[in-house]
């Protein structure tokens, strides 16, 4: 099934960037364009490197397979969501055309494939981590925290897919949902049917609740882009809200409010671009070296 195709290069790039594997060891593996699972998952350090690769994929160029300047992972996904919503005032220029009248309204144009590919690439790489991390040698608590983050990524990805490719849960729970994959796949893997949206949300809740338990005690430090228990609880609040489960949505929202204060007026008016303010739950530090440049989200925001 063509839509199942994924790219291991993001995973490999993350391993190279992580510094957790020696360059000489990596360069001696074969083939030169990928690393076999049996090599990556020998140790906890290798599993952590694979997880770092997934985090890298979430902000990497061409992670959705569109090969466009506006294909930069999650920042692009969030940008698409805003531009295709009803809270943006349309104006002239290519942004209005590309994001509202062309890329989002035709299934045979790049945007649908970009969104599908980004999420399923992430899911497939995460599935490899979950399939092999228990076999790694190393500290059991480290394995637990790696698994917790992997479950969190997968649950979030299926939740995001469900919001893009089906109507809201309250009216569409018996309509087609997402194809569910919980094991690593290859291009030869036979595609699965979409199932129902209810089954998709069952998977989302299963992954996120496992992640919440496994990440108890995990300290991400200043790596605010990482999933920790509070980020998972924030996503669960969104999931329950989307399902119209108001008591659970309130329960999880209160868990967050007990830890993260509301953004003050002064903090908001300062530009809302400082990921270190106390109310910031999950974010991505943008460095000058990582700037995506013109014809990207930043051109639109400017």
Protein backbone atom coordinates (compact mmCIF):
# COMPACT_ATOMS: atom_id res chain seq x y z
CA UNK A 1 0.00 0.00 0.00
CA UNK A 2 1.70 3.18 -1.17
CA UNK A 3 0.64 5.24 1.84
CA UNK A 4 2.56 2.91 4.13
CA UNK A 5 5.93 3.94 2.77
CA UNK A 6 8.28 5.42 5.33
CA UNK A 7 11.81 6.66 5.50
CA UNK A 8 14.39 5.49 8.02
CA UNK A 9 16.74 8.36 7.19
CA UNK A 10 15.21 10.58 9.89
CA UNK A 11 15.88 7.83 12.41
CA UNK A 12 19.43 7.46 11.20
CA UNK A 13 19.96 11.22 11.27
CA UNK A 14 18.81 11.29 14.86
CA UNK A 15 21.25 8.53 15.77
CA UNK A 16 24.10 10.44 14.17
CA UNK A 17 23.11 13.66 15.91
CA UNK A 18 22.56 12.13 19.30
CA UNK A 19 26.19 11.43 20.07
CA UNK A 20 25.16 8.21 21.79
CA UNK A 21 26.86 5.95 19.25
CA UNK A 22 30.44 6.24 18.13
CA UNK A 23 30.90 7.48 14.57
CA UNK A 24 33.36 4.72 13.76
CA UNK A 25 30.92 2.08 14.99
CA UNK A 26 28.15 3.57 12.91
CA UNK A 27 30.23 3.86 9.75
CA UNK A 28 31.17 0.20 9.94
CA UNK A 29 27.55 -0.95 9.68
CA UNK A 30 25.94 -1.95 6.40
CA UNK A 31 24.14 -0.80 4.33
CA UNK A 32 25.28 2.82 4.42
CA UNK A 33 21.78 4.30 4.22
CA UNK A 34 20.18 2.58 7.21
CA UNK A 35 20.88 0.78 10.45
CA UNK A 36 19.46 -2.67 11.11
CA UNK A 37 17.15 -2.97 14.11
CA UNK A 38 19.39 -5.71 15.49
CA UNK A 39 22.24 -3.18 15.63
CA UNK A 40 20.29 -0.19 16.95
CA UNK A 41 18.56 -2.04 19.77
CA UNK A 42 21.49 -3.85 21.34
CA UNK A 43 21.69 -1.34 24.18
CA UNK A 44 19.51 1.23 25.91
CA UNK A 45 21.77 3.91 24.44
CA UNK A 46 20.85 2.68 20.96
CA UNK A 47 17.14 2.72 21.82
CA UNK A 48 17.51 6.26 23.18
CA UNK A 49 19.26 7.26 19.96
CA UNK A 50 16.33 5.85 17.96
CA UNK A 51 13.91 7.83 20.15
CA UNK A 52 16.00 10.96 19.55
CA UNK A 53 15.62 10.25 15.84
CA UNK A 54 11.84 10.29 16.23
CA UNK A 55 12.01 13.65 17.99
CA UNK A 56 14.24 14.90 15.20
CA UNK A 57 11.75 13.67 12.61
CA UNK A 58 9.03 15.76 14.25
CA UNK A 59 10.80 18.93 13.10
CA UNK A 60 12.87 17.70 10.13
CA UNK A 61 12.66 18.90 6.54
CA UNK A 62 10.75 16.56 4.19
CA UNK A 63 9.44 14.47 7.10
CA UNK A 64 6.09 14.41 5.29
CA UNK A 65 7.59 13.40 1.95
CA UNK A 66 6.40 16.56 0.20
CA UNK A 67 9.94 17.81 -0.57
CA UNK A 68 8.77 21.39 -0.16
CA UNK A 69 10.10 24.27 1.91
CA UNK A 70 6.93 24.16 4.00
CA UNK A 71 7.36 20.48 4.90
CA UNK A 72 9.01 20.73 8.31
CA UNK A 73 7.18 18.22 10.44
CA UNK A 74 5.01 19.33 13.34
CA UNK A 75 5.52 23.09 12.80
CA UNK A 76 4.10 22.62 9.29
CA UNK A 77 1.24 20.49 10.60
CA UNK A 78 0.28 23.18 13.11
CA UNK A 79 0.57 25.84 10.43
CA UNK A 80 -1.70 23.88 8.10
CA UNK A 81 -4.24 23.51 10.90
CA UNK A 82 -4.34 27.27 11.47
CA UNK A 83 -4.46 28.25 7.82
CA UNK A 84 -7.27 25.80 7.05
CA UNK A 85 -9.32 26.83 10.06
CA UNK A 86 -11.85 29.60 10.36
CA UNK A 87 -9.88 31.90 12.68
CA UNK A 88 -7.47 33.21 10.03
CA UNK A 89 -8.51 36.22 7.95
CA UNK A 90 -7.75 35.41 4.32
CA UNK A 91 -5.77 37.85 2.23
CA UNK A 92 -4.29 37.84 -1.25
CA UNK A 93 -1.19 35.91 -2.22
CA UNK A 94 -0.01 32.35 -2.57
CA UNK A 95 -0.64 31.40 1.08
CA UNK A 96 -4.39 31.81 0.64
CA UNK A 97 -4.32 29.85 -2.60
CA UNK A 98 -2.05 27.02 -1.50
CA UNK A 99 -3.46 26.48 1.98
CA UNK A 100 -7.16 27.04 1.38
CA UNK A 101 -8.05 26.61 -2.27
CA UNK A 102 -5.67 24.01 -3.59
CA UNK A 103 -3.52 21.83 -1.31
CA UNK A 104 -6.22 21.18 1.27
CA UNK A 105 -9.23 20.65 -0.97
CA UNK A 106 -7.88 17.96 -3.31
CA UNK A 107 -6.84 14.50 -2.19
CA UNK A 108 -4.46 14.08 -5.14
CA UNK A 109 -2.37 17.13 -4.21
CA UNK A 110 0.66 17.06 -1.89
CA UNK A 111 -0.94 18.20 1.37
CA UNK A 112 -3.04 15.14 2.18
CA UNK A 113 -0.10 12.85 1.44
CA UNK A 114 2.21 15.08 3.48
CA UNK A 115 0.02 14.86 6.58
CA UNK A 116 -0.53 11.11 6.18
CA UNK A 117 3.13 10.34 5.56
CA UNK A 118 4.46 12.48 8.42
CA UNK A 119 2.31 10.75 11.04
CA UNK A 120 2.73 7.20 9.74
CA UNK A 121 6.50 7.54 9.39
CA UNK A 122 6.59 8.57 13.03
CA UNK A 123 4.28 5.72 14.04
CA UNK A 124 6.37 3.16 12.18
CA UNK A 125 9.65 4.29 13.75
CA UNK A 126 8.03 4.35 17.19
CA UNK A 127 6.68 0.82 16.59
CA UNK A 128 10.26 -0.36 16.08
CA UNK A 129 11.25 1.11 19.44
CA UNK A 130 8.33 -0.56 21.20
CA UNK A 131 9.03 -3.89 19.48
CA UNK A 132 12.70 -4.09 20.48
CA UNK A 133 13.43 -1.89 23.50
CA UNK A 134 12.77 -4.68 26.02
CA UNK A 135 15.52 -6.75 24.39
CA UNK A 136 18.15 -4.06 24.96
CA UNK A 137 20.80 -4.41 27.60
CA UNK A 138 20.78 -1.61 30.15
CA UNK A 139 18.91 0.03 32.98
CA UNK A 140 15.26 -1.04 33.31
CA UNK A 141 14.07 2.43 34.33
CA UNK A 142 15.67 3.92 31.21
CA UNK A 143 13.77 1.36 29.12
CA UNK A 144 10.55 2.28 30.92
CA UNK A 145 10.94 5.97 30.16
CA UNK A 146 11.82 5.28 26.51
CA UNK A 147 8.71 3.11 26.16
CA UNK A 148 6.58 5.77 27.83
CA UNK A 149 7.71 8.43 25.36
CA UNK A 150 7.20 6.06 22.43
CA UNK A 151 3.64 5.24 23.51
CA UNK A 152 2.99 8.95 23.95
CA UNK A 153 4.21 9.72 20.43
CA UNK A 154 2.09 6.98 18.90
CA UNK A 155 -1.05 7.95 20.79
CA UNK A 156 -0.59 11.59 19.87
CA UNK A 157 0.04 10.72 16.20
CA UNK A 158 -3.14 8.63 15.88
CA UNK A 159 -5.13 11.37 17.63
CA UNK A 160 -3.78 13.99 15.22
CA UNK A 161 -4.53 11.77 12.21
CA UNK A 162 -8.08 11.22 13.43
CA UNK A 163 -8.67 14.97 13.65
CA UNK A 164 -7.35 15.55 10.15
CA UNK A 165 -9.02 12.67 8.31
CA UNK A 166 -12.40 12.31 10.00
CA UNK A 167 -15.06 14.46 11.60
CA UNK A 168 -15.25 14.84 15.37
CA UNK A 169 -15.82 11.81 17.58
CA UNK A 170 -19.32 12.74 18.76
CA UNK A 171 -20.80 12.39 15.28
CA UNK A 172 -18.30 10.09 13.55
CA UNK A 173 -17.35 7.37 16.03
CA UNK A 174 -18.86 4.68 13.78
CA UNK A 175 -17.42 6.16 10.58
CA UNK A 176 -14.03 5.11 9.11
CA UNK A 177 -11.08 5.82 11.36
CA UNK A 178 -7.36 5.26 10.82
CA UNK A 179 -5.55 2.06 9.83
CA UNK A 180 -3.93 0.88 13.06
CA UNK A 181 -0.38 -0.48 13.05
CA UNK A 182 1.31 -1.49 16.30
CA UNK A 183 4.20 -3.45 14.76
CA UNK A 184 6.97 -2.22 12.43
CA UNK A 185 6.09 -2.37 8.74
CA UNK A 186 7.93 -2.35 5.43
CA UNK A 187 6.85 -1.35 1.95
CA UNK A 188 5.82 -4.97 1.42
CA UNK A 189 3.43 -4.94 4.37
CA UNK A 190 -0.16 -5.41 3.31
CA UNK A 191 -2.26 -2.35 4.04
CA UNK A 192 -4.94 -2.51 6.72
CA UNK A 193 -8.51 -1.21 6.51
CA UNK A 194 -9.46 2.01 8.28
CA UNK A 195 -11.68 0.41 10.91
CA UNK A 196 -13.90 2.80 12.85
CA UNK A 197 -13.09 6.07 14.52
CA UNK A 198 -14.08 4.48 17.82
CA UNK A 199 -11.31 1.89 17.33
CA UNK A 200 -8.84 4.66 16.59
CA UNK A 201 -9.71 6.46 19.81
CA UNK A 202 -9.49 3.17 21.71
CA UNK A 203 -5.89 2.91 20.48
CA UNK A 204 -5.20 6.54 21.33
CA UNK A 205 -6.45 6.12 24.90
CA UNK A 206 -4.61 2.82 25.34
CA UNK A 207 -1.30 4.35 24.22
CA UNK A 208 -1.65 7.56 26.21
CA UNK A 209 -2.77 5.91 29.45
CA UNK A 210 0.17 3.48 29.23
CA UNK A 211 2.46 6.42 28.60
CA UNK A 212 1.10 8.31 31.59
CA UNK A 213 1.92 5.38 33.88
CA UNK A 214 5.34 4.63 32.39
CA UNK A 215 6.47 8.27 32.55
CA UNK A 216 5.75 8.65 36.25
CA UNK A 217 9.00 10.00 37.68
CA UNK A 218 10.55 10.90 34.31
CA UNK A 219 12.36 14.27 34.32
CA UNK A 220 12.93 15.70 30.86
CA UNK A 221 15.05 18.59 32.17
CA UNK A 222 15.16 21.47 29.68
CA UNK A 223 14.17 19.26 26.74
CA UNK A 224 10.74 20.84 26.47
CA UNK A 225 10.09 19.10 23.15
CA UNK A 226 10.09 15.70 24.90
CA UNK A 227 6.95 13.98 26.09
CA UNK A 228 6.78 13.72 29.86
CA UNK A 229 3.85 12.76 32.07
CA UNK A 230 2.42 16.29 32.07
CA UNK A 231 2.48 16.53 28.26
CA UNK A 232 0.64 13.21 28.07
CA UNK A 233 -1.94 14.49 30.53
CA UNK A 234 -2.40 17.58 28.39
CA UNK A 235 -3.01 15.47 25.30
CA UNK A 236 -5.44 13.28 27.26
CA UNK A 237 -7.37 16.41 28.27
CA UNK A 238 -7.70 17.25 24.57
CA UNK A 239 -8.72 13.71 23.67
CA UNK A 240 -11.45 13.57 26.32
CA UNK A 241 -12.65 17.02 25.30
CA UNK A 242 -12.88 15.88 21.67
CA UNK A 243 -14.87 12.82 22.82
CA UNK A 244 -17.24 15.08 24.83
CA UNK A 245 -16.14 13.31 28.01
CA UNK A 246 -16.29 16.49 30.05
CA UNK A 247 -15.56 15.02 33.53
CA UNK A 248 -12.32 13.38 32.33
CA UNK A 249 -11.35 16.47 30.33
CA UNK A 250 -11.78 18.58 33.48
CA UNK A 251 -9.86 16.05 35.58
CA UNK A 252 -6.83 16.15 33.29
CA UNK A 253 -6.98 19.90 32.74
CA UNK A 254 -6.84 20.40 36.52
CA UNK A 255 -3.76 18.16 36.70
CA UNK A 256 -2.01 20.55 34.34
CA UNK A 257 -3.22 23.71 36.06
CA UNK A 258 -1.79 22.42 39.33
CA UNK A 259 1.68 22.47 37.75
CA UNK A 260 1.61 25.09 35.00
CA UNK A 261 0.23 28.58 35.79
CA UNK A 262 -1.80 30.46 33.22
CA UNK A 263 0.19 32.79 30.99
CA UNK A 264 0.12 36.32 32.37
CA UNK A 265 -0.83 39.37 30.31
CA UNK A 266 2.76 40.58 30.44
CA UNK A 267 4.12 37.25 29.21
CA UNK A 268 1.58 37.07 26.41
CA UNK A 269 2.23 40.64 25.26
CA UNK A 270 5.99 40.07 25.27
CA UNK A 271 5.62 38.12 22.04
CA UNK A 272 4.51 34.65 23.18
CA UNK A 273 7.76 33.23 21.82
CA UNK A 274 9.70 32.26 24.96
CA UNK A 275 9.54 28.54 25.64
CA UNK A 276 10.96 29.02 29.15
CA UNK A 277 7.93 30.82 30.61
CA UNK A 278 6.29 28.72 33.36
CA UNK A 279 3.04 28.10 31.47
CA UNK A 280 4.73 26.43 28.50
CA UNK A 281 3.92 22.70 28.60
CA UNK A 282 5.30 21.38 25.31
CA UNK A 283 7.34 23.28 22.77
CA UNK A 284 10.26 23.38 20.42
CA UNK A 285 13.21 25.68 20.87
CA UNK A 286 13.97 27.30 17.53
CA UNK A 287 17.61 28.21 17.00
CA UNK A 288 19.07 30.51 14.39
CA UNK A 289 20.75 27.55 12.71
CA UNK A 290 17.41 25.73 12.39
CA UNK A 291 15.53 28.65 10.86
CA UNK A 292 13.43 27.44 7.96
CA UNK A 293 13.73 30.68 6.01
CA UNK A 294 11.49 32.08 3.31
CA UNK A 295 8.60 30.14 1.78
CA UNK A 296 8.04 28.51 5.17
CA UNK A 297 5.85 29.01 8.20
CA UNK A 298 8.01 31.91 9.29
CA UNK A 299 7.31 33.83 6.10
CA UNK A 300 3.58 33.49 6.76
CA UNK A 301 3.89 34.47 10.43
CA UNK A 302 5.97 37.54 9.50
